[in-house]
């Protein structure tokens, strides 16, 4: 499984790179804190493959990186070779990039 750090994600965002950011947390978690991206809760990802690009880099994130890692592995098993797990998730983003993002 490929991973990306929060610093690398910030660079993608800052340079307006063409990539897709997907948040696999539940809606109530997104309401607590978010860093952008499209919300597709973990349990709905495999039913929404048409929403996930195969043509550009796709960064998957959650709270800590565990759920998004599992989703990356699931997507790789059905032919996605362009997915990256955000190492440390929202917690790492809050710690290293933007402390105004709520940790929970």
N, C-alpha and C. Protein backbone atom coordinates (compact mmCIF):
# COMPACT_ATOMS: atom_id res chain seq x y z
N UNK A 1 0.84 -1.18 0.00
CA UNK A 1 0.00 0.00 0.00
C UNK A 1 0.89 1.25 0.00
N UNK A 2 0.56 2.17 -0.88
CA UNK A 2 1.30 3.43 -0.96
C UNK A 2 0.72 4.41 0.06
N UNK A 3 1.61 5.22 0.63
CA UNK A 3 1.19 6.22 1.60
C UNK A 3 1.73 7.59 1.20
N UNK A 4 1.06 8.61 1.71
CA UNK A 4 1.47 9.99 1.51
C UNK A 4 1.44 10.66 2.88
N UNK A 5 2.39 11.54 3.14
CA UNK A 5 2.41 12.25 4.42
C UNK A 5 1.52 13.49 4.33
N UNK A 6 1.20 14.05 5.49
CA UNK A 6 0.39 15.27 5.49
C UNK A 6 1.15 16.43 4.84
N UNK A 7 2.47 16.45 4.96
CA UNK A 7 3.27 17.49 4.30
C UNK A 7 3.17 17.36 2.79
N UNK A 8 3.22 16.13 2.29
CA UNK A 8 3.08 15.90 0.85
C UNK A 8 1.68 16.29 0.37
N UNK A 9 0.66 15.99 1.18
CA UNK A 9 -0.70 16.38 0.82
C UNK A 9 -0.84 17.90 0.80
N UNK A 10 -0.25 18.57 1.77
CA UNK A 10 -0.31 20.04 1.79
C UNK A 10 0.31 20.60 0.52
N UNK A 11 1.42 20.02 0.09
CA UNK A 11 2.07 20.49 -1.14
C UNK A 11 1.15 20.29 -2.34
N UNK A 12 0.48 19.15 -2.41
CA UNK A 12 -0.48 18.91 -3.51
C UNK A 12 -1.56 19.98 -3.50
N UNK A 13 -2.09 20.26 -2.31
CA UNK A 13 -3.15 21.28 -2.19
C UNK A 13 -2.63 22.66 -2.55
N UNK A 14 -1.45 23.01 -2.03
CA UNK A 14 -0.89 24.34 -2.26
C UNK A 14 -0.56 24.59 -3.73
N UNK A 15 -0.15 23.55 -4.44
CA UNK A 15 0.21 23.70 -5.85
C UNK A 15 -0.98 23.46 -6.78
N UNK A 16 -2.14 23.23 -6.16
CA UNK A 16 -3.37 22.97 -6.92
C UNK A 16 -3.20 21.81 -7.91
N UNK A 17 -2.52 20.77 -7.45
CA UNK A 17 -2.31 19.57 -8.26
C UNK A 17 -3.65 18.92 -8.58
N UNK A 18 -3.69 18.19 -9.66
CA UNK A 18 -4.91 17.50 -10.08
C UNK A 18 -4.94 16.13 -9.40
N UNK A 19 -5.61 16.07 -8.26
CA UNK A 19 -5.73 14.82 -7.51
C UNK A 19 -7.11 14.79 -6.87
N UNK A 20 -7.48 13.62 -6.36
CA UNK A 20 -8.78 13.47 -5.69
C UNK A 20 -8.51 13.13 -4.23
N UNK A 21 -9.23 13.81 -3.34
CA UNK A 21 -9.13 13.57 -1.90
C UNK A 21 -10.45 13.00 -1.43
N UNK A 22 -10.41 11.83 -0.81
CA UNK A 22 -11.62 11.16 -0.34
C UNK A 22 -11.53 10.91 1.16
N UNK A 23 -12.56 11.33 1.86
CA UNK A 23 -12.69 11.18 3.31
C UNK A 23 -13.62 10.01 3.58
N UNK A 24 -13.12 8.94 4.21
CA UNK A 24 -13.93 7.74 4.43
C UNK A 24 -14.51 7.67 5.84
N UNK A 25 -14.45 8.79 6.58
CA UNK A 25 -15.05 8.81 7.92
C UNK A 25 -16.57 8.95 7.81
N UNK A 26 -17.23 8.71 8.92
CA UNK A 26 -18.69 8.84 8.98
C UNK A 26 -19.08 10.32 9.01
N UNK A 27 -20.32 10.60 8.63
CA UNK A 27 -20.80 11.98 8.55
C UNK A 27 -20.62 12.75 9.85
N UNK A 28 -20.91 12.12 11.01
CA UNK A 28 -20.76 12.83 12.27
C UNK A 28 -19.30 13.20 12.54
N UNK A 29 -18.37 12.44 12.00
CA UNK A 29 -16.95 12.77 12.16
C UNK A 29 -16.56 13.94 11.27
N UNK A 30 -17.10 13.94 10.06
CA UNK A 30 -16.83 15.04 9.12
C UNK A 30 -17.32 16.36 9.71
N UNK A 31 -18.44 16.31 10.44
CA UNK A 31 -18.97 17.52 11.07
C UNK A 31 -18.03 18.06 12.16
N UNK A 32 -17.26 17.18 12.79
CA UNK A 32 -16.32 17.60 13.84
C UNK A 32 -15.10 18.31 13.27
N UNK A 33 -14.57 17.78 12.18
CA UNK A 33 -13.37 18.35 11.56
C UNK A 33 -13.22 17.79 10.16
N UNK A 34 -12.72 18.65 9.28
CA UNK A 34 -12.50 18.17 7.92
C UNK A 34 -11.41 18.98 7.24
N UNK A 35 -10.77 18.36 6.26
CA UNK A 35 -9.68 19.01 5.53
C UNK A 35 -10.00 19.10 4.04
N UNK A 36 -11.27 18.98 3.72
CA UNK A 36 -11.67 19.04 2.32
C UNK A 36 -11.80 17.64 1.74
N UNK A 37 -12.15 17.59 0.51
CA UNK A 37 -12.30 16.30 -0.15
C UNK A 37 -13.74 15.84 -0.18
N UNK A 38 -13.94 14.77 -0.85
CA UNK A 38 -15.27 14.19 -1.03
C UNK A 38 -15.54 13.17 0.07
N UNK A 39 -16.70 13.27 0.68
CA UNK A 39 -17.07 12.33 1.74
C UNK A 39 -17.74 11.09 1.14
N UNK A 40 -17.09 9.95 1.33
CA UNK A 40 -17.68 8.66 0.98
C UNK A 40 -17.40 7.75 2.18
N UNK A 41 -18.37 7.60 3.09
CA UNK A 41 -18.13 6.78 4.29
C UNK A 41 -17.61 5.38 3.93
N UNK A 42 -16.75 4.86 4.79
CA UNK A 42 -16.06 3.60 4.56
C UNK A 42 -17.00 2.50 4.05
N UNK A 43 -18.16 2.36 4.67
CA UNK A 43 -19.08 1.30 4.31
C UNK A 43 -19.74 1.48 2.94
N UNK A 44 -19.57 2.66 2.35
CA UNK A 44 -20.19 2.94 1.06
C UNK A 44 -19.20 3.00 -0.10
N UNK A 45 -17.91 2.89 0.20
CA UNK A 45 -16.89 3.06 -0.84
C UNK A 45 -17.05 2.06 -1.98
N UNK A 46 -17.19 0.78 -1.67
CA UNK A 46 -17.22 -0.23 -2.72
C UNK A 46 -18.48 -0.13 -3.59
N UNK A 47 -19.51 0.52 -3.07
CA UNK A 47 -20.73 0.76 -3.86
C UNK A 47 -20.64 2.05 -4.67
N UNK A 48 -19.55 2.79 -4.52
CA UNK A 48 -19.39 4.08 -5.20
C UNK A 48 -18.09 4.15 -5.99
N UNK A 49 -17.66 3.04 -6.56
CA UNK A 49 -16.40 3.02 -7.29
C UNK A 49 -16.42 3.99 -8.47
N UNK A 50 -17.59 4.24 -9.03
CA UNK A 50 -17.67 5.16 -10.16
C UNK A 50 -17.28 6.59 -9.79
N UNK A 51 -17.28 6.91 -8.51
CA UNK A 51 -16.90 8.25 -8.04
C UNK A 51 -15.39 8.38 -7.82
N UNK A 52 -14.67 7.27 -7.90
CA UNK A 52 -13.24 7.26 -7.59
C UNK A 52 -12.44 7.16 -8.88
N UNK A 53 -11.60 8.16 -9.11
CA UNK A 53 -10.82 8.24 -10.34
C UNK A 53 -9.80 7.11 -10.45
N UNK A 54 -9.62 6.63 -11.68
CA UNK A 54 -8.53 5.69 -11.96
C UNK A 54 -7.43 6.40 -12.75
N UNK A 55 -7.68 7.68 -13.09
CA UNK A 55 -6.78 8.41 -13.98
C UNK A 55 -5.85 9.39 -13.29
N UNK A 56 -6.10 9.68 -12.02
CA UNK A 56 -5.23 10.60 -11.31
C UNK A 56 -4.99 10.08 -9.89
N UNK A 57 -4.06 10.71 -9.20
CA UNK A 57 -3.74 10.31 -7.83
C UNK A 57 -4.96 10.50 -6.94
N UNK A 58 -5.25 9.47 -6.14
CA UNK A 58 -6.37 9.51 -5.21
C UNK A 58 -5.80 9.33 -3.80
N UNK A 59 -6.05 10.31 -2.94
CA UNK A 59 -5.61 10.25 -1.55
C UNK A 59 -6.83 9.96 -0.69
N UNK A 60 -6.74 8.88 0.09
CA UNK A 60 -7.82 8.45 0.97
C UNK A 60 -7.43 8.80 2.40
N UNK A 61 -8.36 9.40 3.15
CA UNK A 61 -8.02 9.72 4.54
C UNK A 61 -9.17 9.43 5.49
N UNK A 62 -8.79 9.28 6.77
CA UNK A 62 -9.75 9.08 7.86
C UNK A 62 -9.19 9.81 9.08
N UNK A 63 -9.54 9.37 10.25
CA UNK A 63 -9.08 10.02 11.48
C UNK A 63 -7.60 9.76 11.72
N UNK A 64 -7.17 8.48 11.63
CA UNK A 64 -5.80 8.13 12.00
C UNK A 64 -5.01 7.43 10.90
N UNK A 65 -5.68 7.01 9.86
CA UNK A 65 -5.01 6.29 8.78
C UNK A 65 -5.34 4.82 8.72
N UNK A 66 -6.00 4.27 9.73
CA UNK A 66 -6.31 2.84 9.76
C UNK A 66 -7.43 2.47 8.77
N UNK A 67 -8.55 3.16 8.87
CA UNK A 67 -9.66 2.86 7.96
C UNK A 67 -9.30 3.18 6.51
N UNK A 68 -8.64 4.30 6.31
CA UNK A 68 -8.26 4.66 4.94
C UNK A 68 -7.26 3.65 4.38
N UNK A 69 -6.41 3.11 5.23
CA UNK A 69 -5.48 2.06 4.79
C UNK A 69 -6.22 0.82 4.33
N UNK A 70 -7.23 0.44 5.08
CA UNK A 70 -8.05 -0.73 4.70
C UNK A 70 -8.76 -0.48 3.38
N UNK A 71 -9.24 0.75 3.18
CA UNK A 71 -9.93 1.09 1.93
C UNK A 71 -8.93 1.08 0.77
N UNK A 72 -7.74 1.58 0.98
CA UNK A 72 -6.72 1.54 -0.08
C UNK A 72 -6.45 0.10 -0.50
N UNK A 73 -6.33 -0.79 0.47
CA UNK A 73 -6.09 -2.20 0.15
C UNK A 73 -7.27 -2.79 -0.61
N UNK A 74 -8.48 -2.46 -0.21
CA UNK A 74 -9.68 -2.96 -0.89
C UNK A 74 -9.72 -2.45 -2.33
N UNK A 75 -9.40 -1.17 -2.52
CA UNK A 75 -9.41 -0.60 -3.87
C UNK A 75 -8.31 -1.21 -4.73
N UNK A 76 -7.15 -1.45 -4.14
CA UNK A 76 -6.07 -2.11 -4.89
C UNK A 76 -6.48 -3.50 -5.33
N UNK A 77 -7.29 -4.17 -4.51
CA UNK A 77 -7.71 -5.54 -4.85
C UNK A 77 -8.68 -5.58 -6.03
N UNK A 78 -9.29 -4.43 -6.36
CA UNK A 78 -10.20 -4.39 -7.51
C UNK A 78 -9.61 -3.54 -8.65
N UNK A 79 -8.30 -3.39 -8.64
CA UNK A 79 -7.64 -2.81 -9.80
C UNK A 79 -7.20 -1.36 -9.73
N UNK A 80 -7.33 -0.72 -8.59
CA UNK A 80 -6.85 0.66 -8.46
C UNK A 80 -5.36 0.64 -8.11
N UNK A 81 -4.57 1.34 -8.91
CA UNK A 81 -3.12 1.40 -8.67
C UNK A 81 -2.67 2.82 -8.34
N UNK A 82 -3.64 3.71 -8.16
CA UNK A 82 -3.36 5.13 -7.99
C UNK A 82 -3.84 5.67 -6.64
N UNK A 83 -4.05 4.78 -5.66
CA UNK A 83 -4.58 5.20 -4.36
C UNK A 83 -3.46 5.28 -3.32
N UNK A 84 -3.55 6.31 -2.48
CA UNK A 84 -2.55 6.58 -1.45
C UNK A 84 -3.26 6.80 -0.12
N UNK A 85 -2.78 6.15 0.91
CA UNK A 85 -3.31 6.33 2.25
C UNK A 85 -2.64 7.56 2.88
N UNK A 86 -3.45 8.45 3.49
CA UNK A 86 -2.88 9.58 4.21
C UNK A 86 -2.38 9.10 5.57
N UNK A 87 -1.08 9.03 5.70
CA UNK A 87 -0.45 8.53 6.92
C UNK A 87 -0.79 9.42 8.11
N UNK A 88 -1.44 8.87 9.11
CA UNK A 88 -1.78 9.61 10.32
C UNK A 88 -3.10 10.34 10.27
N UNK A 89 -3.70 10.45 9.09
CA UNK A 89 -5.03 11.03 8.93
C UNK A 89 -5.19 12.44 9.48
N UNK A 90 -6.42 12.73 9.91
CA UNK A 90 -6.77 14.05 10.45
C UNK A 90 -5.91 14.40 11.67
N UNK A 91 -5.58 13.39 12.47
CA UNK A 91 -4.76 13.64 13.67
C UNK A 91 -3.41 14.22 13.25
N UNK A 92 -2.76 13.61 12.26
CA UNK A 92 -1.46 14.11 11.80
C UNK A 92 -1.60 15.49 11.16
N UNK A 93 -2.68 15.70 10.39
CA UNK A 93 -2.90 17.00 9.77
C UNK A 93 -3.00 18.09 10.85
N UNK A 94 -3.77 17.81 11.91
CA UNK A 94 -3.93 18.77 12.99
C UNK A 94 -2.61 19.02 13.71
N UNK A 95 -1.84 17.97 13.94
CA UNK A 95 -0.57 18.08 14.66
C UNK A 95 0.50 18.81 13.85
N UNK A 96 0.61 18.47 12.57
CA UNK A 96 1.74 18.96 11.77
C UNK A 96 1.42 20.15 10.86
N UNK A 97 0.16 20.32 10.46
CA UNK A 97 -0.17 21.33 9.46
C UNK A 97 -1.07 22.43 10.02
N UNK A 98 -2.20 22.06 10.61
CA UNK A 98 -3.19 23.06 11.02
C UNK A 98 -3.80 22.70 12.37
N UNK A 99 -3.26 23.29 13.45
CA UNK A 99 -3.76 22.96 14.78
C UNK A 99 -5.20 23.41 15.05
N UNK A 100 -5.78 24.21 14.15
CA UNK A 100 -7.18 24.60 14.34
C UNK A 100 -8.15 23.47 13.98
N UNK A 101 -7.64 22.42 13.34
CA UNK A 101 -8.48 21.26 13.01
C UNK A 101 -8.65 20.44 14.29
N UNK A 102 -9.89 20.17 14.65
CA UNK A 102 -10.21 19.46 15.88
C UNK A 102 -9.74 18.01 15.83
N UNK A 103 -9.02 17.61 16.87
CA UNK A 103 -8.67 16.18 17.06
C UNK A 103 -9.76 15.58 17.92
N UNK A 104 -10.11 14.36 17.64
CA UNK A 104 -11.12 13.67 18.44
C UNK A 104 -10.76 12.22 18.59
